[in-house]
Amino acid sequence: MSLLRVVPAFALVALVLAILPGQGVAMVLRQTLTGGARCATWSVLGNSSGLVVWGIASSVGLSEIFTHSPLAYDTLKYTGVAYLGYLSISTLVTLRRRAGAWDTQGPATVRPIAAYRLGLVTNLTNVKAAVFAVAFIPQFVPRNVPLGVGIISLALVQSLVSLGWYSVLVAAVDRAAAALSRPVVRRALTIISATGLLALALILLFSSPR
């Protein structure tokens, strides 16, 4: 199987990950609501760059290990499943707060370089992005494709998918700022996030080994 044949399925999963409300989405919302679309766009570029960094790190650190150790591969896979399940439960627990889990208030980082850096740091400190890079992406790499090359290639696809989705989100939020700041909307997004994380855990659990 060629790498191109798995791209559509991978891109769909990457889109689901990008859509799920979480640390990255909250950052983009805050930047858009308080700093405007231009400010948020720079942060989106930083966030997408972070995905490429995670892909490179995953490729360098995992390709050699997983090629020679199926046990290490399975261990990471099930650790990812467990952590995604934990994130789902902990996200639901935040609903006990009146406004839900999200903080979309506060000042925006407006200067282009600072806004880009904020997006990059937000992604590099996002455990969900790390789990996806090291546990999900390798599952999609065909056996006849070098693991390192496949991981980096799919990380670039994920970066483009994320960039496209967040660009759409910025444009939409710029037009509907008042609605997205309402607590009931933020609580609904929290529920969607928890459900999506659980779905990703199940997908990873039942995925076929490389």
N, C-alpha and C. Protein backbone atom coordinates (compact mmCIF):
# COMPACT_ATOMS: atom_id res chain seq x y z
N MET A 1 0.84 -1.20 0.00
CA MET A 1 0.00 0.00 0.00
C MET A 1 0.88 1.25 0.00
N SER A 2 0.53 2.22 -0.84
CA SER A 2 1.30 3.46 -0.89
C SER A 2 0.83 4.42 0.20
N LEU A 3 1.70 5.37 0.52
CA LEU A 3 1.37 6.35 1.54
C LEU A 3 0.19 7.22 1.12
N LEU A 4 0.10 7.50 -0.19
CA LEU A 4 -0.98 8.36 -0.68
C LEU A 4 -2.36 7.75 -0.42
N ARG A 5 -2.45 6.44 -0.39
CA ARG A 5 -3.75 5.79 -0.21
C ARG A 5 -4.28 5.95 1.22
N VAL A 6 -3.40 6.17 2.19
CA VAL A 6 -3.86 6.32 3.57
C VAL A 6 -4.10 7.78 3.93
N VAL A 7 -3.67 8.70 3.04
CA VAL A 7 -3.80 10.13 3.36
C VAL A 7 -5.24 10.56 3.60
N PRO A 8 -6.23 10.15 2.76
CA PRO A 8 -7.61 10.59 3.02
C PRO A 8 -8.12 10.19 4.40
N ALA A 9 -7.90 8.92 4.80
CA ALA A 9 -8.36 8.47 6.11
C ALA A 9 -7.63 9.19 7.22
N PHE A 10 -6.32 9.37 7.05
CA PHE A 10 -5.55 10.08 8.06
C PHE A 10 -5.99 11.53 8.18
N ALA A 11 -6.21 12.17 7.05
CA ALA A 11 -6.63 13.57 7.06
C ALA A 11 -7.96 13.73 7.78
N LEU A 12 -8.85 12.76 7.61
CA LEU A 12 -10.14 12.82 8.30
C LEU A 12 -9.96 12.74 9.81
N VAL A 13 -9.12 11.82 10.26
CA VAL A 13 -8.85 11.70 11.70
C VAL A 13 -8.16 12.96 12.22
N ALA A 14 -7.23 13.50 11.44
CA ALA A 14 -6.54 14.73 11.85
C ALA A 14 -7.53 15.89 11.94
N LEU A 15 -8.51 15.91 11.05
CA LEU A 15 -9.53 16.97 11.09
C LEU A 15 -10.37 16.84 12.35
N VAL A 16 -10.74 15.61 12.71
CA VAL A 16 -11.51 15.39 13.94
C VAL A 16 -10.71 15.88 15.15
N LEU A 17 -9.42 15.57 15.17
CA LEU A 17 -8.57 16.02 16.28
C LEU A 17 -8.52 17.53 16.35
N ALA A 18 -8.42 18.19 15.19
CA ALA A 18 -8.35 19.66 15.16
C ALA A 18 -9.68 20.28 15.60
N ILE A 19 -10.78 19.65 15.22
CA ILE A 19 -12.10 20.20 15.55
C ILE A 19 -12.40 20.08 17.04
N LEU A 20 -11.89 19.01 17.67
CA LEU A 20 -12.20 18.79 19.08
C LEU A 20 -11.81 19.99 19.93
N PRO A 21 -12.75 20.54 20.69
CA PRO A 21 -12.40 21.65 21.59
C PRO A 21 -11.33 21.22 22.59
N GLY A 22 -10.35 22.04 22.75
CA GLY A 22 -9.26 21.74 23.67
C GLY A 22 -8.34 22.93 23.82
N GLN A 23 -7.11 22.66 24.21
CA GLN A 23 -6.15 23.72 24.50
C GLN A 23 -5.90 24.61 23.28
N GLY A 24 -5.73 23.99 22.11
CA GLY A 24 -5.46 24.76 20.90
C GLY A 24 -6.64 25.61 20.47
N VAL A 25 -7.83 25.01 20.49
CA VAL A 25 -9.03 25.74 20.08
C VAL A 25 -9.29 26.90 21.03
N ALA A 26 -9.12 26.67 22.33
CA ALA A 26 -9.33 27.74 23.30
C ALA A 26 -8.38 28.91 23.05
N MET A 27 -7.12 28.59 22.70
CA MET A 27 -6.15 29.63 22.41
C MET A 27 -6.56 30.44 21.18
N VAL A 28 -7.01 29.74 20.13
CA VAL A 28 -7.42 30.41 18.90
C VAL A 28 -8.65 31.29 19.15
N LEU A 29 -9.59 30.77 19.92
CA LEU A 29 -10.78 31.56 20.26
C LEU A 29 -10.39 32.83 21.01
N ARG A 30 -9.53 32.68 22.00
CA ARG A 30 -9.14 33.84 22.81
C ARG A 30 -8.42 34.87 21.95
N GLN A 31 -7.52 34.41 21.09
CA GLN A 31 -6.79 35.33 20.23
C GLN A 31 -7.74 36.06 19.28
N THR A 32 -8.73 35.35 18.75
CA THR A 32 -9.67 35.96 17.80
C THR A 32 -10.61 36.93 18.51
N LEU A 33 -11.14 36.49 19.66
CA LEU A 33 -12.13 37.31 20.36
C LEU A 33 -11.53 38.59 20.92
N THR A 34 -10.29 38.54 21.34
CA THR A 34 -9.71 39.71 22.01
C THR A 34 -8.65 40.43 21.18
N GLY A 35 -8.14 39.77 20.13
CA GLY A 35 -7.09 40.41 19.33
C GLY A 35 -7.41 40.56 17.86
N GLY A 36 -8.47 39.86 17.40
CA GLY A 36 -8.84 39.97 16.00
C GLY A 36 -8.29 38.84 15.15
N ALA A 37 -8.77 38.78 13.90
CA ALA A 37 -8.43 37.68 12.99
C ALA A 37 -6.94 37.65 12.64
N ARG A 38 -6.34 38.81 12.42
CA ARG A 38 -4.91 38.84 12.05
C ARG A 38 -4.05 38.28 13.17
N CYS A 39 -4.34 38.67 14.38
CA CYS A 39 -3.62 38.17 15.55
C CYS A 39 -3.77 36.65 15.65
N ALA A 40 -5.00 36.15 15.48
CA ALA A 40 -5.26 34.72 15.60
C ALA A 40 -4.58 33.93 14.49
N THR A 41 -4.50 34.50 13.30
CA THR A 41 -3.88 33.81 12.17
C THR A 41 -2.42 33.50 12.44
N TRP A 42 -1.71 34.44 13.03
CA TRP A 42 -0.31 34.18 13.39
C TRP A 42 -0.20 33.05 14.41
N SER A 43 -1.13 33.01 15.36
CA SER A 43 -1.12 31.94 16.35
C SER A 43 -1.45 30.59 15.72
N VAL A 44 -2.34 30.60 14.73
CA VAL A 44 -2.67 29.38 14.00
C VAL A 44 -1.44 28.84 13.26
N LEU A 45 -0.67 29.74 12.65
CA LEU A 45 0.56 29.33 11.98
C LEU A 45 1.55 28.71 12.97
N GLY A 46 1.64 29.29 14.16
CA GLY A 46 2.51 28.73 15.18
C GLY A 46 2.05 27.37 15.63
N ASN A 47 0.73 27.21 15.79
CA ASN A 47 0.17 25.93 16.20
C ASN A 47 0.46 24.85 15.15
N SER A 48 0.31 25.19 13.89
CA SER A 48 0.57 24.23 12.81
C SER A 48 2.05 23.87 12.75
N SER A 49 2.92 24.82 13.01
CA SER A 49 4.36 24.54 13.04
C SER A 49 4.68 23.55 14.16
N GLY A 50 3.98 23.67 15.28
CA GLY A 50 4.20 22.75 16.38
C GLY A 50 3.90 21.31 16.00
N LEU A 51 2.90 21.11 15.16
CA LEU A 51 2.57 19.75 14.71
C LEU A 51 3.71 19.14 13.91
N VAL A 52 4.37 19.96 13.10
CA VAL A 52 5.52 19.48 12.34
C VAL A 52 6.66 19.12 13.28
N VAL A 53 6.87 19.94 14.30
CA VAL A 53 7.92 19.65 15.29
C VAL A 53 7.63 18.33 15.98
N TRP A 54 6.39 18.10 16.39
CA TRP A 54 6.02 16.83 17.02
C TRP A 54 6.26 15.66 16.06
N GLY A 55 5.93 15.85 14.79
CA GLY A 55 6.14 14.78 13.82
C GLY A 55 7.61 14.43 13.66
N ILE A 56 8.46 15.44 13.58
CA ILE A 56 9.90 15.20 13.46
C ILE A 56 10.43 14.50 14.70
N ALA A 57 10.00 14.97 15.87
CA ALA A 57 10.45 14.35 17.12
C ALA A 57 10.01 12.90 17.20
N SER A 58 8.76 12.64 16.79
CA SER A 58 8.24 11.28 16.80
C SER A 58 9.04 10.40 15.84
N SER A 59 9.34 10.93 14.66
CA SER A 59 10.09 10.16 13.66
C SER A 59 11.48 9.81 14.16
N VAL A 60 12.17 10.81 14.68
CA VAL A 60 13.55 10.58 15.14
C VAL A 60 13.58 9.63 16.33
N GLY A 61 12.63 9.80 17.25
CA GLY A 61 12.68 9.02 18.48
C GLY A 61 12.06 7.65 18.40
N LEU A 62 11.14 7.44 17.45
CA LEU A 62 10.37 6.20 17.45
C LEU A 62 10.69 5.25 16.32
N SER A 63 11.14 5.75 15.19
CA SER A 63 11.27 4.88 14.02
C SER A 63 12.18 3.68 14.28
N GLU A 64 13.33 3.93 14.86
CA GLU A 64 14.27 2.84 15.12
C GLU A 64 13.76 1.90 16.20
N ILE A 65 13.18 2.47 17.27
CA ILE A 65 12.70 1.65 18.38
C ILE A 65 11.57 0.74 17.95
N PHE A 66 10.58 1.31 17.26
CA PHE A 66 9.39 0.53 16.91
C PHE A 66 9.66 -0.49 15.81
N THR A 67 10.66 -0.23 14.98
CA THR A 67 11.00 -1.19 13.94
C THR A 67 11.50 -2.49 14.54
N HIS A 68 12.17 -2.40 15.67
CA HIS A 68 12.78 -3.57 16.28
C HIS A 68 12.09 -4.05 17.54
N SER A 69 11.07 -3.35 18.00
CA SER A 69 10.41 -3.75 19.25
C SER A 69 8.90 -3.58 19.18
N PRO A 70 8.19 -4.63 18.75
CA PRO A 70 6.72 -4.58 18.75
C PRO A 70 6.14 -4.33 20.14
N LEU A 71 6.84 -4.81 21.17
CA LEU A 71 6.37 -4.60 22.54
C LEU A 71 6.35 -3.12 22.88
N ALA A 72 7.39 -2.39 22.50
CA ALA A 72 7.44 -0.96 22.76
C ALA A 72 6.32 -0.24 22.01
N TYR A 73 6.07 -0.71 20.80
CA TYR A 73 5.00 -0.12 19.97
C TYR A 73 3.65 -0.30 20.64
N ASP A 74 3.38 -1.53 21.09
CA ASP A 74 2.09 -1.81 21.73
C ASP A 74 1.96 -1.08 23.07
N THR A 75 3.08 -0.98 23.79
CA THR A 75 3.04 -0.29 25.08
C THR A 75 2.64 1.17 24.90
N LEU A 76 3.24 1.82 23.90
CA LEU A 76 2.91 3.21 23.65
C LEU A 76 1.46 3.35 23.19
N LYS A 77 1.02 2.42 22.35
CA LYS A 77 -0.35 2.47 21.85
C LYS A 77 -1.35 2.43 23.00
N TYR A 78 -1.19 1.47 23.92
CA TYR A 78 -2.16 1.32 25.00
C TYR A 78 -2.01 2.43 26.05
N THR A 79 -0.80 2.96 26.18
CA THR A 79 -0.63 4.12 27.04
C THR A 79 -1.39 5.31 26.48
N GLY A 80 -1.33 5.46 25.16
CA GLY A 80 -2.09 6.53 24.51
C GLY A 80 -3.59 6.36 24.70
N VAL A 81 -4.07 5.13 24.58
CA VAL A 81 -5.49 4.85 24.80
C VAL A 81 -5.90 5.25 26.22
N ALA A 82 -5.08 4.83 27.20
CA ALA A 82 -5.39 5.13 28.59
C ALA A 82 -5.39 6.63 28.86
N TYR A 83 -4.42 7.34 28.26
CA TYR A 83 -4.34 8.77 28.54
C TYR A 83 -5.48 9.54 27.88
N LEU A 84 -5.85 9.15 26.67
CA LEU A 84 -6.98 9.80 26.02
C LEU A 84 -8.27 9.56 26.81
N GLY A 85 -8.41 8.34 27.35
CA GLY A 85 -9.57 8.06 28.19
C GLY A 85 -9.58 8.92 29.45
N TYR A 86 -8.40 9.08 30.03
CA TYR A 86 -8.28 9.94 31.21
C TYR A 86 -8.64 11.39 30.89
N LEU A 87 -8.14 11.88 29.74
CA LEU A 87 -8.46 13.25 29.35
C LEU A 87 -9.96 13.43 29.15
N SER A 88 -10.62 12.41 28.58
CA SER A 88 -12.07 12.49 28.37
C SER A 88 -12.80 12.63 29.70
N ILE A 89 -12.43 11.79 30.67
CA ILE A 89 -13.09 11.82 31.98
C ILE A 89 -12.81 13.13 32.70
N SER A 90 -11.54 13.56 32.69
CA SER A 90 -11.19 14.79 33.40
C SER A 90 -11.85 16.01 32.76
N THR A 91 -12.06 15.96 31.45
CA THR A 91 -12.75 17.06 30.77
C THR A 91 -14.20 17.13 31.22
N LEU A 92 -14.84 15.98 31.36
CA LEU A 92 -16.23 15.96 31.85
C LEU A 92 -16.33 16.48 33.28
N VAL A 93 -15.31 16.17 34.09
CA VAL A 93 -15.31 16.62 35.48
C VAL A 93 -15.34 18.14 35.56
N THR A 94 -14.73 18.80 34.58
CA THR A 94 -14.68 20.27 34.60
C THR A 94 -16.07 20.89 34.44
N LEU A 95 -17.04 20.10 34.00
CA LEU A 95 -18.40 20.63 33.85
C LEU A 95 -19.01 21.00 35.20
N ARG A 96 -18.40 20.55 36.29
CA ARG A 96 -18.88 20.93 37.62
C ARG A 96 -18.69 22.41 37.86
N ARG A 97 -17.76 23.02 37.08
CA ARG A 97 -17.61 24.47 37.18
C ARG A 97 -18.75 25.14 36.43
N ARG A 98 -19.13 26.29 36.84
CA ARG A 98 -20.30 26.96 36.27
C ARG A 98 -20.11 27.29 34.79
N ALA A 99 -18.90 27.71 34.41
CA ALA A 99 -18.68 28.15 33.04
C ALA A 99 -18.06 27.08 32.16
N GLY A 100 -17.82 25.89 32.74
CA GLY A 100 -17.18 24.86 31.94
C GLY A 100 -15.67 24.98 32.00
N ALA A 101 -14.98 24.27 31.09
CA ALA A 101 -13.53 24.14 31.18
C ALA A 101 -12.75 25.24 30.49
N TRP A 102 -13.39 26.00 29.68
CA TRP A 102 -12.63 26.87 28.78
C TRP A 102 -12.43 28.27 29.30
N ASP A 103 -11.24 28.76 29.07
CA ASP A 103 -10.93 30.16 29.38
C ASP A 103 -10.71 30.89 28.06
N THR A 104 -11.73 31.61 27.63
CA THR A 104 -11.61 32.39 26.39
C THR A 104 -11.48 33.87 26.69
N GLN A 105 -11.29 34.20 27.95
CA GLN A 105 -11.16 35.59 28.35
C GLN A 105 -9.68 35.92 28.52
N GLY A 106 -9.38 37.19 28.73
CA GLY A 106 -8.01 37.61 28.96
C GLY A 106 -7.44 38.31 27.74
N PRO A 107 -6.30 38.98 27.92
CA PRO A 107 -5.71 39.75 26.83
C PRO A 107 -5.13 38.86 25.75
N ALA A 108 -5.15 39.35 24.52
CA ALA A 108 -4.56 38.62 23.40
C ALA A 108 -3.10 39.01 23.23
N THR A 109 -2.34 38.10 22.63
CA THR A 109 -0.97 38.40 22.24
C THR A 109 -1.03 38.89 20.80
N VAL A 110 -0.82 40.20 20.59
CA VAL A 110 -1.15 40.82 19.31
C VAL A 110 0.04 40.87 18.34
N ARG A 111 1.24 41.17 18.82
CA ARG A 111 2.37 41.30 17.91
C ARG A 111 2.61 40.00 17.15
N PRO A 112 2.87 40.04 15.83
CA PRO A 112 2.97 38.83 15.02
C PRO A 112 3.92 37.78 15.58
N ILE A 113 5.14 38.18 15.94
CA ILE A 113 6.11 37.20 16.44
C ILE A 113 5.62 36.59 17.74
N ALA A 114 5.09 37.43 18.64
CA ALA A 114 4.60 36.93 19.92
C ALA A 114 3.38 36.03 19.73
N ALA A 115 2.50 36.40 18.79
CA ALA A 115 1.31 35.59 18.53
C ALA A 115 1.71 34.24 17.94
N TYR A 116 2.68 34.23 17.04
CA TYR A 116 3.18 32.98 16.47
C TYR A 116 3.79 32.11 17.56
N ARG A 117 4.59 32.73 18.42
CA ARG A 117 5.23 31.99 19.51
C ARG A 117 4.19 31.39 20.44
N LEU A 118 3.13 32.14 20.72
CA LEU A 118 2.07 31.63 21.58
C LEU A 118 1.45 30.37 20.98
N GLY A 119 1.15 30.40 19.67
CA GLY A 119 0.58 29.22 19.02
C GLY A 119 1.52 28.04 19.05
N LEU A 120 2.81 28.29 18.81
CA LEU A 120 3.81 27.22 18.83
C LEU A 120 3.93 26.60 20.21
N VAL A 121 4.06 27.43 21.22
CA VAL A 121 4.21 26.93 22.60
C VAL A 121 2.95 26.21 23.06
N THR A 122 1.79 26.74 22.68
CA THR A 122 0.53 26.08 23.05
C THR A 122 0.49 24.66 22.50
N ASN A 123 0.94 24.49 21.26
CA ASN A 123 0.93 23.15 20.68
C ASN A 123 1.98 22.25 21.29
N LEU A 124 3.17 22.78 21.52
CA LEU A 124 4.26 21.96 22.06
C LEU A 124 4.02 21.55 23.51
N THR A 125 3.12 22.23 24.19
CA THR A 125 2.77 21.85 25.57
C THR A 125 1.43 21.13 25.63
N ASN A 126 0.90 20.76 24.47
CA ASN A 126 -0.40 20.09 24.39
C ASN A 126 -0.18 18.59 24.36
N VAL A 127 -0.55 17.91 25.44
CA VAL A 127 -0.32 16.47 25.54
C VAL A 127 -1.11 15.71 24.47
N LYS A 128 -2.28 16.21 24.12
CA LYS A 128 -3.09 15.57 23.08
C LYS A 128 -2.32 15.52 21.77
N ALA A 129 -1.61 16.59 21.44
CA ALA A 129 -0.82 16.63 20.21
C ALA A 129 0.33 15.63 20.29
N ALA A 130 0.94 15.51 21.46
CA ALA A 130 2.05 14.57 21.64
C ALA A 130 1.57 13.13 21.49
N VAL A 131 0.44 12.81 22.12
CA VAL A 131 -0.11 11.45 22.03
C VAL A 131 -0.43 11.10 20.58
N PHE A 132 -1.01 12.04 19.85
CA PHE A 132 -1.36 11.80 18.46
C PHE A 132 -0.10 11.54 17.63
N ALA A 133 0.93 12.33 17.86
CA ALA A 133 2.16 12.21 17.07
C ALA A 133 2.86 10.88 17.30
N VAL A 134 2.91 10.43 18.56
CA VAL A 134 3.70 9.23 18.86
C VAL A 134 2.88 7.95 18.86
N ALA A 135 1.56 8.04 19.00
CA ALA A 135 0.76 6.82 19.07
C ALA A 135 -0.17 6.64 17.87
N PHE A 136 -0.70 7.74 17.34
CA PHE A 136 -1.65 7.65 16.23
C PHE A 136 -0.95 7.60 14.87
N ILE A 137 -0.08 8.55 14.61
CA ILE A 137 0.50 8.66 13.27
C ILE A 137 1.18 7.37 12.81
N PRO A 138 1.99 6.71 13.65
CA PRO A 138 2.63 5.47 13.18
C PRO A 138 1.65 4.40 12.73
N GLN A 139 0.43 4.40 13.27
CA GLN A 139 -0.56 3.40 12.89
C GLN A 139 -0.96 3.51 11.42
N PHE A 140 -0.81 4.70 10.85
CA PHE A 140 -1.25 4.94 9.48
C PHE A 140 -0.15 4.71 8.45
N VAL A 141 1.08 4.53 8.90
CA VAL A 141 2.19 4.36 7.96
C VAL A 141 2.19 2.94 7.41
N PRO A 142 2.07 2.76 6.09
CA PRO A 142 2.09 1.41 5.50
C PRO A 142 3.41 0.69 5.81
N ARG A 143 3.34 -0.63 5.83
CA ARG A 143 4.53 -1.42 6.18
C ARG A 143 5.67 -1.24 5.19
N ASN A 144 5.34 -0.97 3.94
CA ASN A 144 6.39 -0.86 2.93
C ASN A 144 7.00 0.54 2.86
N VAL A 145 6.57 1.44 3.74
CA VAL A 145 7.10 2.81 3.78
C VAL A 145 7.98 2.94 5.02
N PRO A 146 9.20 3.47 4.89
CA PRO A 146 10.03 3.70 6.08
C PRO A 146 9.27 4.50 7.12
N LEU A 147 9.29 4.02 8.36
CA LEU A 147 8.47 4.62 9.40
C LEU A 147 8.77 6.10 9.60
N GLY A 148 10.05 6.46 9.60
CA GLY A 148 10.41 7.86 9.81
C GLY A 148 9.88 8.76 8.72
N VAL A 149 10.03 8.33 7.47
CA VAL A 149 9.53 9.11 6.34
C VAL A 149 8.01 9.24 6.41
N GLY A 150 7.34 8.13 6.74
CA GLY A 150 5.88 8.15 6.82
C GLY A 150 5.37 9.08 7.90
N ILE A 151 6.00 9.07 9.06
CA ILE A 151 5.57 9.91 10.17
C ILE A 151 5.70 11.39 9.81
N ILE A 152 6.86 11.77 9.24
CA ILE A 152 7.06 13.17 8.88
C ILE A 152 6.07 13.60 7.80
N SER A 153 5.85 12.75 6.81
CA SER A 153 4.92 13.08 5.72
C SER A 153 3.51 13.28 6.25
N LEU A 154 3.07 12.39 7.12
CA LEU A 154 1.71 12.51 7.66
C LEU A 154 1.61 13.68 8.64
N ALA A 155 2.70 13.99 9.32
CA ALA A 155 2.70 15.17 10.20
C ALA A 155 2.50 16.44 9.38
N LEU A 156 3.08 16.49 8.19
CA LEU A 156 2.87 17.64 7.31
C LEU A 156 1.42 17.72 6.85
N VAL A 157 0.82 16.56 6.57
CA VAL A 157 -0.60 16.53 6.20
C VAL A 157 -1.44 17.05 7.37
N GLN A 158 -1.13 16.58 8.57
CA GLN A 158 -1.87 17.03 9.75
C GLN A 158 -1.73 18.54 9.94
N SER A 159 -0.53 19.06 9.71
CA SER A 159 -0.30 20.49 9.87
C SER A 159 -1.16 21.29 8.90
N LEU A 160 -1.25 20.82 7.65
CA LEU A 160 -2.06 21.52 6.65
C LEU A 160 -3.55 21.44 6.97
N VAL A 161 -3.99 20.26 7.44
CA VAL A 161 -5.39 20.10 7.83
C VAL A 161 -5.73 21.03 8.99
N SER A 162 -4.84 21.07 9.98
CA SER A 162 -5.06 21.94 11.14
C SER A 162 -5.08 23.41 10.72
N LEU A 163 -4.16 23.79 9.85
CA LEU A 163 -4.11 25.17 9.37
C LEU A 163 -5.40 25.55 8.65
N GLY A 164 -5.91 24.64 7.82
CA GLY A 164 -7.14 24.91 7.10
C GLY A 164 -8.33 25.05 8.02
N TRP A 165 -8.45 24.11 8.99
CA TRP A 165 -9.60 24.16 9.89
C TRP A 165 -9.57 25.40 10.77
N TYR A 166 -8.42 25.70 11.35
CA TYR A 166 -8.35 26.84 12.25
C TYR A 166 -8.55 28.16 11.50
N SER A 167 -8.16 28.20 10.24
CA SER A 167 -8.41 29.40 9.44
C SER A 167 -9.91 29.62 9.26
N VAL A 168 -10.64 28.53 9.03
CA VAL A 168 -12.10 28.61 8.93
C VAL A 168 -12.68 29.05 10.27
N LEU A 169 -12.14 28.47 11.36
CA LEU A 169 -12.63 28.81 12.70
C LEU A 169 -12.43 30.29 13.02
N VAL A 170 -11.25 30.80 12.68
CA VAL A 170 -10.97 32.22 12.94
C VAL A 170 -11.97 33.10 12.22
N ALA A 171 -12.23 32.78 10.96
CA ALA A 171 -13.18 33.58 10.18
C ALA A 171 -14.57 33.52 10.78
N ALA A 172 -14.98 32.32 11.24
CA ALA A 172 -16.32 32.16 11.82
C ALA A 172 -16.44 32.87 13.16
N VAL A 173 -15.41 32.73 14.00
CA VAL A 173 -15.44 33.34 15.33
C VAL A 173 -15.45 34.86 15.20
N ASP A 174 -14.75 35.35 14.21
CA ASP A 174 -14.69 36.81 14.00
C ASP A 174 -16.09 37.37 13.74
N ARG A 175 -17.00 36.52 13.27
CA ARG A 175 -18.36 36.96 12.96
C ARG A 175 -19.35 36.62 14.08
N ALA A 176 -18.97 35.71 14.97
CA ALA A 176 -19.92 35.24 15.99
C ALA A 176 -19.31 35.28 17.38
N ALA A 177 -18.59 36.35 17.69
CA ALA A 177 -17.87 36.45 18.96
C ALA A 177 -18.79 36.40 20.16
N ALA A 178 -19.92 37.06 20.10
CA ALA A 178 -20.81 37.15 21.27
C ALA A 178 -21.35 35.78 21.67
N ALA A 179 -21.76 34.99 20.69
CA ALA A 179 -22.34 33.68 20.99
C ALA A 179 -21.32 32.75 21.63
N LEU A 180 -20.08 32.76 21.14
CA LEU A 180 -19.07 31.84 21.64
C LEU A 180 -18.58 32.20 23.04
N SER A 181 -18.86 33.40 23.50
CA SER A 181 -18.43 33.79 24.85
C SER A 181 -19.45 33.39 25.91
N ARG A 182 -20.60 32.85 25.49
CA ARG A 182 -21.64 32.48 26.45
C ARG A 182 -21.26 31.19 27.18
N PRO A 183 -21.47 31.13 28.52
CA PRO A 183 -21.13 29.93 29.29
C PRO A 183 -21.80 28.66 28.77
N VAL A 184 -23.06 28.74 28.33
CA VAL A 184 -23.75 27.53 27.87
C VAL A 184 -23.07 26.96 26.63
N VAL A 185 -22.55 27.83 25.77
CA VAL A 185 -21.85 27.37 24.59
C VAL A 185 -20.53 26.72 24.98
N ARG A 186 -19.84 27.33 25.92
CA ARG A 186 -18.56 26.77 26.37
C ARG A 186 -18.75 25.41 27.03
N ARG A 187 -19.86 25.22 27.77
CA ARG A 187 -20.14 23.93 28.38
C ARG A 187 -20.44 22.88 27.31
N ALA A 188 -21.17 23.28 26.27
CA ALA A 188 -21.47 22.36 25.18
C ALA A 188 -20.18 21.92 24.48
N LEU A 189 -19.28 22.86 24.26
CA LEU A 189 -18.01 22.54 23.63
C LEU A 189 -17.18 21.60 24.49
N THR A 190 -17.29 21.74 25.81
CA THR A 190 -16.58 20.86 26.72
C THR A 190 -17.09 19.42 26.58
N ILE A 191 -18.40 19.26 26.48
CA ILE A 191 -18.99 17.93 26.31
C ILE A 191 -18.53 17.32 24.99
N ILE A 192 -18.53 18.11 23.93
CA ILE A 192 -18.07 17.63 22.62
C ILE A 192 -16.61 17.18 22.69
N SER A 193 -15.80 17.96 23.39
CA SER A 193 -14.40 17.62 23.53
C SER A 193 -14.21 16.28 24.23
N ALA A 194 -14.92 16.08 25.34
CA ALA A 194 -14.80 14.84 26.10
C ALA A 194 -15.24 13.63 25.26
N THR A 195 -16.34 13.80 24.53
CA THR A 195 -16.84 12.71 23.69
C THR A 195 -15.86 12.38 22.57
N GLY A 196 -15.31 13.42 21.96
CA GLY A 196 -14.36 13.21 20.88
C GLY A 196 -13.08 12.53 21.36
N LEU A 197 -12.58 12.90 22.52
CA LEU A 197 -11.39 12.26 23.07
C LEU A 197 -11.63 10.78 23.31
N LEU A 198 -12.81 10.45 23.82
CA LEU A 198 -13.14 9.04 24.04
C LEU A 198 -13.21 8.29 22.72
N ALA A 199 -13.78 8.92 21.69
CA ALA A 199 -13.85 8.29 20.37
C ALA A 199 -12.45 8.04 19.81
N LEU A 200 -11.54 9.01 19.97
CA LEU A 200 -10.17 8.82 19.51
C LEU A 200 -9.48 7.67 20.25
N ALA A 201 -9.76 7.56 21.55
CA ALA A 201 -9.19 6.45 22.34
C ALA A 201 -9.66 5.11 21.79
N LEU A 202 -10.93 5.01 21.44
CA LEU A 202 -11.48 3.77 20.92
C LEU A 202 -10.91 3.45 19.53
N ILE A 203 -10.75 4.48 18.70
CA ILE A 203 -10.16 4.28 17.38
C ILE A 203 -8.75 3.74 17.51
N LEU A 204 -7.98 4.33 18.41
CA LEU A 204 -6.61 3.88 18.63
C LEU A 204 -6.58 2.47 19.19
N LEU A 205 -7.50 2.16 20.09
CA LEU A 205 -7.55 0.83 20.72
C LEU A 205 -7.76 -0.26 19.69
N PHE A 206 -8.65 -0.03 18.73
CA PHE A 206 -9.00 -1.07 17.77
C PHE A 206 -8.27 -0.95 16.44
N SER A 207 -7.29 -0.04 16.37
CA SER A 207 -6.53 0.10 15.13
C SER A 207 -5.61 -1.09 14.96
N SER A 208 -5.34 -1.44 13.71
CA SER A 208 -4.48 -2.57 13.40
C SER A 208 -3.02 -2.17 13.57
N PRO A 209 -2.18 -3.08 14.05
CA PRO A 209 -0.76 -2.75 14.19
C PRO A 209 -0.11 -2.58 12.83
N ARG A 210 0.92 -1.75 12.80
CA ARG A 210 1.66 -1.52 11.55
C ARG A 210 2.37 -2.79 11.15
